[in-house]
């Protein structure tokens, strides 16, 4: 049994999913693997996510210390960038594995002809 923030998890997989589970977190993290992105850049590369959902997911990832939010106020307009933290970078092998599995699953589904 694992406990984080007074919540118990039955196995280490459920702990991982607590951090990156759901429809969007892994997608957001995938797009941050190649460097910092602004909010609008994330919206462009993930066009099917709503603004509210993106904001909430970014906030959760920031609260979990997986991403860092940096606000630049030197000159208008205000700019905010998101990057992976050192802790977030420890997820890179997991994200790579998820990405490769997804590519294989997509290729496999192309071979299946459904009538």
PDB file of N, CA and C in Angstrom:
ATOM      1  N   UNK A   1       0.848  -1.180   0.000  1.00  0.00           N
ATOM      2  CA  UNK A   1       0.000   0.000   0.000  1.00  0.00           C
ATOM      3  C   UNK A   1       0.894   1.245   0.000  1.00  0.00           C
ATOM      4  N   UNK A   2       0.522   2.219  -0.812  1.00  0.00           N
ATOM      5  CA  UNK A   2       1.255   3.471  -0.922  1.00  0.00           C
ATOM      6  C   UNK A   2       0.329   4.615  -0.515  1.00  0.00           C
ATOM      7  N   UNK A   3       0.887   5.619   0.164  1.00  0.00           N
ATOM      8  CA  UNK A   3       0.083   6.761   0.600  1.00  0.00           C
ATOM      9  C   UNK A   3       0.734   8.059   0.137  1.00  0.00           C
ATOM     10  N   UNK A   4      -0.060   8.895  -0.530  1.00  0.00           N
ATOM     11  CA  UNK A   4       0.375  10.230  -0.959  1.00  0.00           C
ATOM     12  C   UNK A   4      -0.742  11.198  -0.608  1.00  0.00           C
ATOM     13  N   UNK A   5      -0.387  12.281   0.076  1.00  0.00           N
ATOM     14  CA  UNK A   5      -1.370  13.292   0.476  1.00  0.00           C
ATOM     15  C   UNK A   5      -2.562  12.662   1.191  1.00  0.00           C
ATOM     16  N   UNK A   6      -2.284  11.757   2.103  1.00  0.00           N
ATOM     17  CA  UNK A   6      -3.302  11.078   2.916  1.00  0.00           C
ATOM     18  C   UNK A   6      -4.269  10.225   2.099  1.00  0.00           C
ATOM     19  N   UNK A   7      -3.899   9.880   0.875  1.00  0.00           N
ATOM     20  CA  UNK A   7      -4.718   8.997   0.064  1.00  0.00           C
ATOM     21  C   UNK A   7      -3.931   7.725  -0.209  1.00  0.00           C
ATOM     22  N   UNK A   8      -4.575   6.584  -0.032  1.00  0.00           N
ATOM     23  CA  UNK A   8      -3.908   5.297  -0.204  1.00  0.00           C
ATOM     24  C   UNK A   8      -4.095   4.761  -1.618  1.00  0.00           C
ATOM     25  N   UNK A   9      -3.047   4.132  -2.118  1.00  0.00           N
ATOM     26  CA  UNK A   9      -3.054   3.526  -3.447  1.00  0.00           C
ATOM     27  C   UNK A   9      -2.646   2.065  -3.303  1.00  0.00           C
ATOM     28  N   UNK A  10      -3.357   1.145  -3.971  1.00  0.00           N
ATOM     29  CA  UNK A  10      -3.107  -0.281  -3.779  1.00  0.00           C
ATOM     30  C   UNK A  10      -1.807  -0.793  -4.398  1.00  0.00           C
ATOM     31  N   UNK A  11      -1.276  -0.078  -5.410  1.00  0.00           N
ATOM     32  CA  UNK A  11      -0.039  -0.541  -6.044  1.00  0.00           C
ATOM     33  C   UNK A  11       0.701   0.644  -6.650  1.00  0.00           C
ATOM     34  N   UNK A  12       1.940   0.380  -7.057  1.00  0.00           N
ATOM     35  CA  UNK A  12       2.761   1.459  -7.615  1.00  0.00           C
ATOM     36  C   UNK A  12       2.215   1.962  -8.950  1.00  0.00           C
ATOM     37  N   UNK A  13       1.519   1.115  -9.701  1.00  0.00           N
ATOM     38  CA  UNK A  13       0.920   1.565 -10.964  1.00  0.00           C
ATOM     39  C   UNK A  13      -0.145   2.620 -10.706  1.00  0.00           C
ATOM     40  N   UNK A  14      -0.934   2.428  -9.657  1.00  0.00           N
ATOM     41  CA  UNK A  14      -1.963   3.419  -9.342  1.00  0.00           C
ATOM     42  C   UNK A  14      -1.336   4.736  -8.882  1.00  0.00           C
ATOM     43  N   UNK A  15      -0.154   4.673  -8.284  1.00  0.00           N
ATOM     44  CA  UNK A  15       0.563   5.903  -7.917  1.00  0.00           C
ATOM     45  C   UNK A  15       0.963   6.648  -9.188  1.00  0.00           C
ATOM     46  N   UNK A  16       1.512   5.932 -10.173  1.00  0.00           N
ATOM     47  CA  UNK A  16       1.891   6.550 -11.440  1.00  0.00           C
ATOM     48  C   UNK A  16       0.687   7.200 -12.104  1.00  0.00           C
ATOM     49  N   UNK A  17      -0.429   6.470 -12.133  1.00  0.00           N
ATOM     50  CA  UNK A  17      -1.629   6.997 -12.777  1.00  0.00           C
ATOM     51  C   UNK A  17      -2.195   8.195 -12.017  1.00  0.00           C
ATOM     52  N   UNK A  18      -1.948   8.283 -10.725  1.00  0.00           N
ATOM     53  CA  UNK A  18      -2.375   9.454  -9.953  1.00  0.00           C
ATOM     54  C   UNK A  18      -1.721  10.708 -10.520  1.00  0.00           C
ATOM     55  N   UNK A  19      -0.475  10.578 -10.994  1.00  0.00           N
ATOM     56  CA  UNK A  19       0.252  11.722 -11.523  1.00  0.00           C
ATOM     57  C   UNK A  19      -0.016  11.984 -13.001  1.00  0.00           C
ATOM     58  N   UNK A  20      -0.152  10.933 -13.816  1.00  0.00           N
ATOM     59  CA  UNK A  20      -0.262  11.159 -15.262  1.00  0.00           C
ATOM     60  C   UNK A  20      -1.518  10.546 -15.878  1.00  0.00           C
ATOM     61  N   UNK A  21      -2.418  10.048 -15.056  1.00  0.00           N
ATOM     62  CA  UNK A  21      -3.626   9.413 -15.564  1.00  0.00           C
ATOM     63  C   UNK A  21      -4.604  10.408 -16.155  1.00  0.00           C
ATOM     64  N   UNK A  22      -5.604   9.883 -16.798  1.00  0.00           N
ATOM     65  CA  UNK A  22      -6.611  10.721 -17.431  1.00  0.00           C
ATOM     66  C   UNK A  22      -6.315  10.892 -18.905  1.00  0.00           C
ATOM     67  N   UNK A  23      -7.190  11.596 -19.555  1.00  0.00           N
ATOM     68  CA  UNK A  23      -7.107  11.737 -21.007  1.00  0.00           C
ATOM     69  C   UNK A  23      -6.000  12.681 -21.467  1.00  0.00           C
ATOM     70  N   UNK A  24      -5.649  13.695 -20.673  1.00  0.00           N
ATOM     71  CA  UNK A  24      -4.819  14.771 -21.203  1.00  0.00           C
ATOM     72  C   UNK A  24      -3.426  14.925 -20.619  1.00  0.00           C
ATOM     73  N   UNK A  25      -3.178  14.474 -19.402  1.00  0.00           N
ATOM     74  CA  UNK A  25      -1.886  14.761 -18.771  1.00  0.00           C
ATOM     75  C   UNK A  25      -0.706  14.211 -19.563  1.00  0.00           C
ATOM     76  N   UNK A  26      -0.782  12.961 -19.981  1.00  0.00           N
ATOM     77  CA  UNK A  26       0.327  12.383 -20.748  1.00  0.00           C
ATOM     78  C   UNK A  26       0.502  13.112 -22.076  1.00  0.00           C
ATOM     79  N   UNK A  27      -0.597  13.555 -22.670  1.00  0.00           N
ATOM     80  CA  UNK A  27      -0.527  14.296 -23.938  1.00  0.00           C
ATOM     81  C   UNK A  27       0.189  15.629 -23.723  1.00  0.00           C
ATOM     82  N   UNK A  28      -0.163  16.326 -22.676  1.00  0.00           N
ATOM     83  CA  UNK A  28       0.493  17.604 -22.351  1.00  0.00           C
ATOM     84  C   UNK A  28       1.981  17.369 -22.111  1.00  0.00           C
ATOM     85  N   UNK A  29       2.292  16.359 -21.309  1.00  0.00           N
ATOM     86  CA  UNK A  29       3.692  16.073 -21.002  1.00  0.00           C
ATOM     87  C   UNK A  29       4.474  15.689 -22.255  1.00  0.00           C
ATOM     88  N   UNK A  30       3.852  14.927 -23.140  1.00  0.00           N
ATOM     89  CA  UNK A  30       4.497  14.554 -24.403  1.00  0.00           C
ATOM     90  C   UNK A  30       4.929  15.804 -25.175  1.00  0.00           C
ATOM     91  N   UNK A  31       4.070  16.805 -25.206  1.00  0.00           N
ATOM     92  CA  UNK A  31       4.380  18.025 -25.947  1.00  0.00           C
ATOM     93  C   UNK A  31       5.394  18.912 -25.231  1.00  0.00           C
ATOM     94  N   UNK A  32       5.644  18.642 -23.966  1.00  0.00           N
ATOM     95  CA  UNK A  32       6.666  19.401 -23.237  1.00  0.00           C
ATOM     96  C   UNK A  32       8.024  18.702 -23.240  1.00  0.00           C
ATOM     97  N   UNK A  33       8.092  17.491 -23.811  1.00  0.00           N
ATOM     98  CA  UNK A  33       9.351  16.750 -23.785  1.00  0.00           C
ATOM     99  C   UNK A  33      10.446  17.412 -24.611  1.00  0.00           C
ATOM    100  N   UNK A  34      10.061  18.177 -25.627  1.00  0.00           N
ATOM    101  CA  UNK A  34      11.081  18.819 -26.462  1.00  0.00           C
ATOM    102  C   UNK A  34      11.369  20.257 -26.053  1.00  0.00           C
ATOM    103  N   UNK A  35      10.886  20.666 -24.889  1.00  0.00           N
ATOM    104  CA  UNK A  35      11.212  21.996 -24.388  1.00  0.00           C
ATOM    105  C   UNK A  35      10.001  22.794 -23.954  1.00  0.00           C
ATOM    106  N   UNK A  36      10.263  24.011 -23.514  1.00  0.00           N
ATOM    107  CA  UNK A  36       9.233  24.893 -22.975  1.00  0.00           C
ATOM    108  C   UNK A  36       8.185  25.231 -24.024  1.00  0.00           C
ATOM    109  N   UNK A  37       6.952  25.341 -23.554  1.00  0.00           N
ATOM    110  CA  UNK A  37       5.839  25.737 -24.419  1.00  0.00           C
ATOM    111  C   UNK A  37       5.002  26.767 -23.677  1.00  0.00           C
ATOM    112  N   UNK A  38       4.486  27.720 -24.447  1.00  0.00           N
ATOM    113  CA  UNK A  38       3.530  28.669 -23.891  1.00  0.00           C
ATOM    114  C   UNK A  38       2.140  28.043 -23.944  1.00  0.00           C
ATOM    115  N   UNK A  39       1.233  28.603 -23.187  1.00  0.00           N
ATOM    116  CA  UNK A  39      -0.140  28.095 -23.112  1.00  0.00           C
ATOM    117  C   UNK A  39      -0.752  27.984 -24.513  1.00  0.00           C
ATOM    118  N   UNK A  40      -0.635  29.056 -25.307  1.00  0.00           N
ATOM    119  CA  UNK A  40      -1.237  29.048 -26.650  1.00  0.00           C
ATOM    120  C   UNK A  40      -0.571  28.033 -27.579  1.00  0.00           C
ATOM    121  N   UNK A  41       0.707  27.773 -27.373  1.00  0.00           N
ATOM    122  CA  UNK A  41       1.379  26.743 -28.167  1.00  0.00           C
ATOM    123  C   UNK A  41       0.794  25.368 -27.845  1.00  0.00           C
ATOM    124  N   UNK A  42       0.537  25.128 -26.567  1.00  0.00           N
ATOM    125  CA  UNK A  42      -0.091  23.862 -26.173  1.00  0.00           C
ATOM    126  C   UNK A  42      -1.490  23.744 -26.756  1.00  0.00           C
ATOM    127  N   UNK A  43      -2.231  24.834 -26.746  1.00  0.00           N
ATOM    128  CA  UNK A  43      -3.589  24.818 -27.340  1.00  0.00           C
ATOM    129  C   UNK A  43      -3.532  24.475 -28.820  1.00  0.00           C
ATOM    130  N   UNK A  44      -2.527  24.981 -29.518  1.00  0.00           N
ATOM    131  CA  UNK A  44      -2.415  24.709 -30.955  1.00  0.00           C
ATOM    132  C   UNK A  44      -2.068  23.255 -31.242  1.00  0.00           C
ATOM    133  N   UNK A  45      -1.174  22.672 -30.439  1.00  0.00           N
ATOM    134  CA  UNK A  45      -0.778  21.287 -30.710  1.00  0.00           C
ATOM    135  C   UNK A  45      -1.759  20.265 -30.139  1.00  0.00           C
ATOM    136  N   UNK A  46      -2.662  20.725 -29.268  1.00  0.00           N
ATOM    137  CA  UNK A  46      -3.716  19.859 -28.720  1.00  0.00           C
ATOM    138  C   UNK A  46      -5.061  20.554 -28.962  1.00  0.00           C
ATOM    139  N   UNK A  47      -5.492  20.641 -30.210  1.00  0.00           N
ATOM    140  CA  UNK A  47      -6.670  21.456 -30.540  1.00  0.00           C
ATOM    141  C   UNK A  47      -7.994  20.945 -29.962  1.00  0.00           C
ATOM    142  N   UNK A  48      -8.063  19.682 -29.572  1.00  0.00           N
ATOM    143  CA  UNK A  48      -9.334  19.151 -29.078  1.00  0.00           C
ATOM    144  C   UNK A  48      -9.521  19.321 -27.571  1.00  0.00           C
ATOM    145  N   UNK A  49      -8.525  19.853 -26.871  1.00  0.00           N
ATOM    146  CA  UNK A  49      -8.658  20.087 -25.439  1.00  0.00           C
ATOM    147  C   UNK A  49      -9.315  21.452 -25.229  1.00  0.00           C
ATOM    148  N   UNK A  50     -10.209  21.539 -24.250  1.00  0.00           N
ATOM    149  CA  UNK A  50     -10.830  22.830 -23.959  1.00  0.00           C
ATOM    150  C   UNK A  50      -9.866  23.686 -23.145  1.00  0.00           C
ATOM    151  N   UNK A  51     -10.080  24.989 -23.180  1.00  0.00           N
ATOM    152  CA  UNK A  51      -9.221  25.897 -22.415  1.00  0.00           C
ATOM    153  C   UNK A  51      -9.298  25.598 -20.923  1.00  0.00           C
ATOM    154  N   UNK A  52     -10.504  25.346 -20.447  1.00  0.00           N
ATOM    155  CA  UNK A  52     -10.694  25.055 -19.027  1.00  0.00           C
ATOM    156  C   UNK A  52      -9.946  23.794 -18.619  1.00  0.00           C
ATOM    157  N   UNK A  53     -10.066  22.747 -19.433  1.00  0.00           N
ATOM    158  CA  UNK A  53      -9.394  21.490 -19.124  1.00  0.00           C
ATOM    159  C   UNK A  53      -7.884  21.657 -19.167  1.00  0.00           C
ATOM    160  N   UNK A  54      -7.370  22.351 -20.176  1.00  0.00           N
ATOM    161  CA  UNK A  54      -5.934  22.581 -20.255  1.00  0.00           C
ATOM    162  C   UNK A  54      -5.447  23.327 -19.018  1.00  0.00           C
ATOM    163  N   UNK A  55      -6.155  24.366 -18.629  1.00  0.00           N
ATOM    164  CA  UNK A  55      -5.765  25.139 -17.441  1.00  0.00           C
ATOM    165  C   UNK A  55      -5.761  24.268 -16.189  1.00  0.00           C
ATOM    166  N   UNK A  56      -6.808  23.461 -16.018  1.00  0.00           N
ATOM    167  CA  UNK A  56      -6.896  22.599 -14.836  1.00  0.00           C
ATOM    168  C   UNK A  56      -5.788  21.547 -14.822  1.00  0.00           C
ATOM    169  N   UNK A  57      -5.527  20.935 -15.970  1.00  0.00           N
ATOM    170  CA  UNK A  57      -4.489  19.907 -16.039  1.00  0.00           C
ATOM    171  C   UNK A  57      -3.104  20.500 -15.797  1.00  0.00           C
ATOM    172  N   UNK A  58      -2.844  21.675 -16.355  1.00  0.00           N
ATOM    173  CA  UNK A  58      -1.564  22.346 -16.112  1.00  0.00           C
ATOM    174  C   UNK A  58      -1.394  22.674 -14.637  1.00  0.00           C
ATOM    175  N   UNK A  59      -2.450  23.131 -14.013  1.00  0.00           N
ATOM    176  CA  UNK A  59      -2.399  23.463 -12.582  1.00  0.00           C
ATOM    177  C   UNK A  59      -2.114  22.212 -11.748  1.00  0.00           C
ATOM    178  N   UNK A  60      -2.774  21.092 -12.070  1.00  0.00           N
ATOM    179  CA  UNK A  60      -2.534  19.856 -11.332  1.00  0.00           C
ATOM    180  C   UNK A  60      -1.098  19.369 -11.522  1.00  0.00           C
ATOM    181  N   UNK A  61      -0.610  19.422 -12.754  1.00  0.00           N
ATOM    182  CA  UNK A  61       0.764  19.004 -13.015  1.00  0.00           C
ATOM    183  C   UNK A  61       1.766  19.912 -12.297  1.00  0.00           C
ATOM    184  N   UNK A  62       1.450  21.189 -12.212  1.00  0.00           N
ATOM    185  CA  UNK A  62       2.307  22.124 -11.476  1.00  0.00           C
ATOM    186  C   UNK A  62       2.251  21.824  -9.979  1.00  0.00           C
ATOM    187  N   UNK A  63       1.066  21.603  -9.447  1.00  0.00           N
ATOM    188  CA  UNK A  63       0.919  21.281  -8.021  1.00  0.00           C
ATOM    189  C   UNK A  63       1.663  20.001  -7.654  1.00  0.00           C
ATOM    190  N   UNK A  64       1.741  19.066  -8.601  1.00  0.00           N
ATOM    191  CA  UNK A  64       2.438  17.801  -8.369  1.00  0.00           C
ATOM    192  C   UNK A  64       3.935  17.890  -8.651  1.00  0.00           C
ATOM    193  N   UNK A  65       4.426  19.093  -8.963  1.00  0.00           N
ATOM    194  CA  UNK A  65       5.840  19.347  -9.227  1.00  0.00           C
ATOM    195  C   UNK A  65       6.362  18.577 -10.450  1.00  0.00           C
ATOM    196  N   UNK A  66       5.481  18.344 -11.410  1.00  0.00           N
ATOM    197  CA  UNK A  66       5.880  17.665 -12.638  1.00  0.00           C
ATOM    198  C   UNK A  66       6.245  18.690 -13.706  1.00  0.00           C
ATOM    199  N   UNK A  67       5.547  19.821 -13.690  1.00  0.00           N
ATOM    200  CA  UNK A  67       5.902  20.915 -14.596  1.00  0.00           C
ATOM    201  C   UNK A  67       6.148  22.177 -13.786  1.00  0.00           C
ATOM    202  N   UNK A  68       6.874  23.090 -14.406  1.00  0.00           N
ATOM    203  CA  UNK A  68       7.153  24.389 -13.804  1.00  0.00           C
ATOM    204  C   UNK A  68       6.488  25.453 -14.661  1.00  0.00           C
ATOM    205  N   UNK A  69       5.903  26.415 -14.009  1.00  0.00           N
ATOM    206  CA  UNK A  69       5.248  27.538 -14.684  1.00  0.00           C
ATOM    207  C   UNK A  69       6.077  28.775 -14.412  1.00  0.00           C
ATOM    208  N   UNK A  70       6.590  29.377 -15.492  1.00  0.00           N
ATOM    209  CA  UNK A  70       7.395  30.581 -15.339  1.00  0.00           C
ATOM    210  C   UNK A  70       6.700  31.739 -16.021  1.00  0.00           C
ATOM    211  N   UNK A  71       6.523  32.818 -15.259  1.00  0.00           N
ATOM    212  CA  UNK A  71       5.857  34.015 -15.773  1.00  0.00           C
ATOM    213  C   UNK A  71       6.909  35.066 -16.075  1.00  0.00           C
ATOM    214  N   UNK A  72       6.886  35.567 -17.306  1.00  0.00           N
ATOM    215  CA  UNK A  72       7.797  36.633 -17.720  1.00  0.00           C
ATOM    216  C   UNK A  72       7.009  37.939 -17.719  1.00  0.00           C
ATOM    217  N   UNK A  73       7.469  38.892 -16.905  1.00  0.00           N
ATOM    218  CA  UNK A  73       6.749  40.166 -16.776  1.00  0.00           C
ATOM    219  C   UNK A  73       7.590  41.359 -17.238  1.00  0.00           C
ATOM    220  N   UNK A  74       8.776  41.095 -17.806  1.00  0.00           N
ATOM    221  CA  UNK A  74       9.676  42.201 -18.169  1.00  0.00           C
ATOM    222  C   UNK A  74       9.047  43.179 -19.151  1.00  0.00           C
ATOM    223  N   UNK A  75       8.359  42.626 -20.153  1.00  0.00           N
ATOM    224  CA  UNK A  75       7.747  43.516 -21.137  1.00  0.00           C
ATOM    225  C   UNK A  75       6.375  42.967 -21.512  1.00  0.00           C
ATOM    226  N   UNK A  76       5.441  43.857 -21.767  1.00  0.00           N
ATOM    227  CA  UNK A  76       4.124  43.396 -22.191  1.00  0.00           C
ATOM    228  C   UNK A  76       4.199  42.790 -23.579  1.00  0.00           C
ATOM    229  N   UNK A  77       3.359  41.863 -23.938  1.00  0.00           N
ATOM    230  CA  UNK A  77       2.362  41.246 -23.065  1.00  0.00           C
ATOM    231  C   UNK A  77       2.992  40.191 -22.153  1.00  0.00           C
ATOM    232  N   UNK A  78       2.293  39.920 -21.085  1.00  0.00           N
ATOM    233  CA  UNK A  78       2.706  38.911 -20.121  1.00  0.00           C
ATOM    234  C   UNK A  78       2.872  37.574 -20.836  1.00  0.00           C
ATOM    235  N   UNK A  79       3.935  36.842 -20.505  1.00  0.00           N
ATOM    236  CA  UNK A  79       4.162  35.544 -21.144  1.00  0.00           C
ATOM    237  C   UNK A  79       4.371  34.484 -20.068  1.00  0.00           C
ATOM    238  N   UNK A  80       3.740  33.326 -20.257  1.00  0.00           N
ATOM    239  CA  UNK A  80       3.873  32.211 -19.333  1.00  0.00           C
ATOM    240  C   UNK A  80       4.373  31.007 -20.111  1.00  0.00           C
ATOM    241  N   UNK A  81       5.407  30.361 -19.578  1.00  0.00           N
ATOM    242  CA  UNK A  81       5.953  29.155 -20.198  1.00  0.00           C
ATOM    243  C   UNK A  81       5.871  27.990 -19.224  1.00  0.00           C
ATOM    244  N   UNK A  82       5.668  26.812 -19.790  1.00  0.00           N
ATOM    245  CA  UNK A  82       5.625  25.584 -19.006  1.00  0.00           C
ATOM    246  C   UNK A  82       6.772  24.680 -19.446  1.00  0.00           C
ATOM    247  N   UNK A  83       7.466  24.108 -18.467  1.00  0.00           N
ATOM    248  CA  UNK A  83       8.554  23.177 -18.734  1.00  0.00           C
ATOM    249  C   UNK A  83       8.460  22.015 -17.755  1.00  0.00           C
ATOM    250  N   UNK A  84       9.117  20.922 -18.107  1.00  0.00           N
ATOM    251  CA  UNK A  84       9.206  19.797 -17.184  1.00  0.00           C
ATOM    252  C   UNK A  84      10.188  20.133 -16.071  1.00  0.00           C
ATOM    253  N   UNK A  85       9.849  19.773 -14.856  1.00  0.00           N
ATOM    254  CA  UNK A  85      10.787  19.899 -13.742  1.00  0.00           C
ATOM    255  C   UNK A  85      11.753  18.711 -13.797  1.00  0.00           C
ATOM    256  N   UNK A  86      12.744  18.706 -12.937  1.00  0.00           N
ATOM    257  CA  UNK A  86      13.633  17.547 -12.861  1.00  0.00           C
ATOM    258  C   UNK A  86      12.835  16.292 -12.514  1.00  0.00           C
ATOM    259  N   UNK A  87      11.886  16.433 -11.591  1.00  0.00           N
ATOM    260  CA  UNK A  87      11.009  15.306 -11.238  1.00  0.00           C
ATOM    261  C   UNK A  87      10.175  14.896 -12.449  1.00  0.00           C
ATOM    262  N   UNK A  88       9.660  15.863 -13.189  1.00  0.00           N
ATOM    263  CA  UNK A  88       8.884  15.573 -14.391  1.00  0.00           C
ATOM    264  C   UNK A  88       9.708  14.864 -15.450  1.00  0.00           C
ATOM    265  N   UNK A  89      10.983  15.208 -15.543  1.00  0.00           N
ATOM    266  CA  UNK A  89      11.860  14.566 -16.529  1.00  0.00           C
ATOM    267  C   UNK A  89      12.075  13.088 -16.222  1.00  0.00           C
ATOM    268  N   UNK A  90      11.860  12.687 -14.977  1.00  0.00           N
ATOM    269  CA  UNK A  90      11.982  11.258 -14.656  1.00  0.00           C
ATOM    270  C   UNK A  90      10.878  10.456 -15.334  1.00  0.00           C
ATOM    271  N   UNK A  91       9.848  11.125 -15.832  1.00  0.00           N
ATOM    272  CA  UNK A  91       8.763  10.463 -16.565  1.00  0.00           C
ATOM    273  C   UNK A  91       9.094  10.231 -18.042  1.00  0.00           C
ATOM    274  N   UNK A  92      10.196  10.775 -18.532  1.00  0.00           N
ATOM    275  CA  UNK A  92      10.524  10.659 -19.955  1.00  0.00           C
ATOM    276  C   UNK A  92      10.560   9.210 -20.446  1.00  0.00           C
ATOM    277  N   UNK A  93      11.183   8.265 -19.725  1.00  0.00           N
ATOM    278  CA  UNK A  93      11.145   6.881 -20.207  1.00  0.00           C
ATOM    279  C   UNK A  93       9.720   6.318 -20.259  1.00  0.00           C
ATOM    280  N   UNK A  94       8.888   6.706 -19.314  1.00  0.00           N
ATOM    281  CA  UNK A  94       7.489   6.257 -19.296  1.00  0.00           C
ATOM    282  C   UNK A  94       6.754   6.839 -20.498  1.00  0.00           C
ATOM    283  N   UNK A  95       6.926   8.129 -20.758  1.00  0.00           N
ATOM    284  CA  UNK A  95       6.271   8.776 -21.896  1.00  0.00           C
ATOM    285  C   UNK A  95       6.760   8.193 -23.218  1.00  0.00           C
ATOM    286  N   UNK A  96       8.071   7.897 -23.301  1.00  0.00           N
ATOM    287  CA  UNK A  96       8.599   7.265 -24.511  1.00  0.00           C
ATOM    288  C   UNK A  96       7.943   5.904 -24.731  1.00  0.00           C
ATOM    289  N   UNK A  97       7.802   5.128 -23.660  1.00  0.00           N
ATOM    290  CA  UNK A  97       7.180   3.806 -23.776  1.00  0.00           C
ATOM    291  C   UNK A  97       5.716   3.929 -24.201  1.00  0.00           C
ATOM    292  N   UNK A  98       4.994   4.879 -23.630  1.00  0.00           N
ATOM    293  CA  UNK A  98       3.588   5.099 -23.989  1.00  0.00           C
ATOM    294  C   UNK A  98       3.490   5.507 -25.461  1.00  0.00           C
ATOM    295  N   UNK A  99       4.393   6.383 -25.900  1.00  0.00           N
ATOM    296  CA  UNK A  99       4.408   6.849 -27.286  1.00  0.00           C
ATOM    297  C   UNK A  99       4.655   5.687 -28.251  1.00  0.00           C
ATOM    298  N   UNK A 100       5.650   4.888 -27.960  1.00  0.00           N
ATOM    299  CA  UNK A 100       5.970   3.753 -28.836  1.00  0.00           C
ATOM    300  C   UNK A 100       4.835   2.738 -28.861  1.00  0.00           C
ATOM    301  N   UNK A 101       4.247   2.487 -27.712  1.00  0.00           N
ATOM    302  CA  UNK A 101       3.121   1.552 -27.663  1.00  0.00           C
ATOM    303  C   UNK A 101       1.957   2.081 -28.499  1.00  0.00           C
ATOM    304  N   UNK A 102       1.690   3.378 -28.395  1.00  0.00           N
ATOM    305  CA  UNK A 102       0.615   3.991 -29.169  1.00  0.00           C
ATOM    306  C   UNK A 102       0.852   3.892 -30.662  1.00  0.00           C
ATOM    307  N   UNK A 103       2.107   4.099 -31.089  1.00  0.00           N
ATOM    308  CA  UNK A 103       2.429   3.960 -32.517  1.00  0.00           C
ATOM    309  C   UNK A 103       2.159   2.536 -32.981  1.00  0.00           C
ATOM    310  N   UNK A 104       2.579   1.570 -32.183  1.00  0.00           N
ATOM    311  CA  UNK A 104       2.349   0.170 -32.533  1.00  0.00           C
ATOM    312  C   UNK A 104       0.877  -0.170 -32.571  1.00  0.00           C
ATOM    313  N   UNK A 105       0.123   0.336 -31.606  1.00  0.00           N
ATOM    314  CA  UNK A 105      -1.318   0.084 -31.564  1.00  0.00           C
ATOM    315  C   UNK A 105      -2.001   0.706 -32.779  1.00  0.00           C
ATOM    316  N   UNK A 106      -1.566   1.898 -33.167  1.00  0.00           N
ATOM    317  CA  UNK A 106      -2.156   2.559 -34.340  1.00  0.00           C
ATOM    318  C   UNK A 106      -1.846   1.763 -35.607  1.00  0.00           C
ATOM    319  N   UNK A 107      -0.625   1.289 -35.733  1.00  0.00           N
ATOM    320  CA  UNK A 107      -0.253   0.479 -36.901  1.00  0.00           C
ATOM    321  C   UNK A 107      -1.028  -0.833 -36.923  1.00  0.00           C
ATOM    322  N   UNK A 108      -1.187  -1.437 -35.769  1.00  0.00           N
ATOM    323  CA  UNK A 108      -1.923  -2.700 -35.676  1.00  0.00           C
ATOM    324  C   UNK A 108      -3.390  -2.512 -36.040  1.00  0.00           C
ATOM    325  N   UNK A 109      -3.971  -1.405 -35.604  1.00  0.00           N
ATOM    326  CA  UNK A 109      -5.396  -1.187 -35.898  1.00  0.00           C
ATOM    327  C   UNK A 109      -5.630  -0.919 -37.374  1.00  0.00           C
ATOM    328  N   UNK A 110      -4.627  -0.435 -38.082  1.00  0.00           N
ATOM    329  CA  UNK A 110      -4.744  -0.214 -39.532  1.00  0.00           C
ATOM    330  C   UNK A 110      -4.834  -1.548 -40.267  1.00  0.00           C
ATOM    331  N   UNK A 111      -4.244  -2.570 -39.688  1.00  0.00           N
ATOM    332  CA  UNK A 111      -4.244  -3.890 -40.315  1.00  0.00           C
ATOM    333  C   UNK A 111      -5.563  -4.618 -40.131  1.00  0.00           C
ATOM    334  N   UNK A 112      -6.339  -4.170 -39.158  1.00  0.00           N
ATOM    335  CA  UNK A 112      -7.625  -4.801 -38.885  1.00  0.00           C
ATOM    336  C   UNK A 112      -8.676  -4.142 -39.757  1.00  0.00           C
ATOM    337  N   UNK A 113      -9.326  -4.913 -40.572  1.00  0.00           N
ATOM    338  CA  UNK A 113     -10.381  -4.375 -41.448  1.00  0.00           C
ATOM    339  C   UNK A 113     -11.725  -4.650 -40.799  1.00  0.00           C
ATOM    340  N   UNK A 114     -12.438  -3.587 -40.515  1.00  0.00           N
ATOM    341  CA  UNK A 114     -13.756  -3.698 -39.880  1.00  0.00           C
ATOM    342  C   UNK A 114     -14.828  -3.401 -40.896  1.00  0.00           C
ATOM    343  N   UNK A 115     -15.813  -4.253 -41.000  1.00  0.00           N
ATOM    344  CA  UNK A 115     -16.919  -4.031 -41.937  1.00  0.00           C
ATOM    345  C   UNK A 115     -18.161  -3.625 -41.222  1.00  0.00           C
TER     346      UNK A 115
END
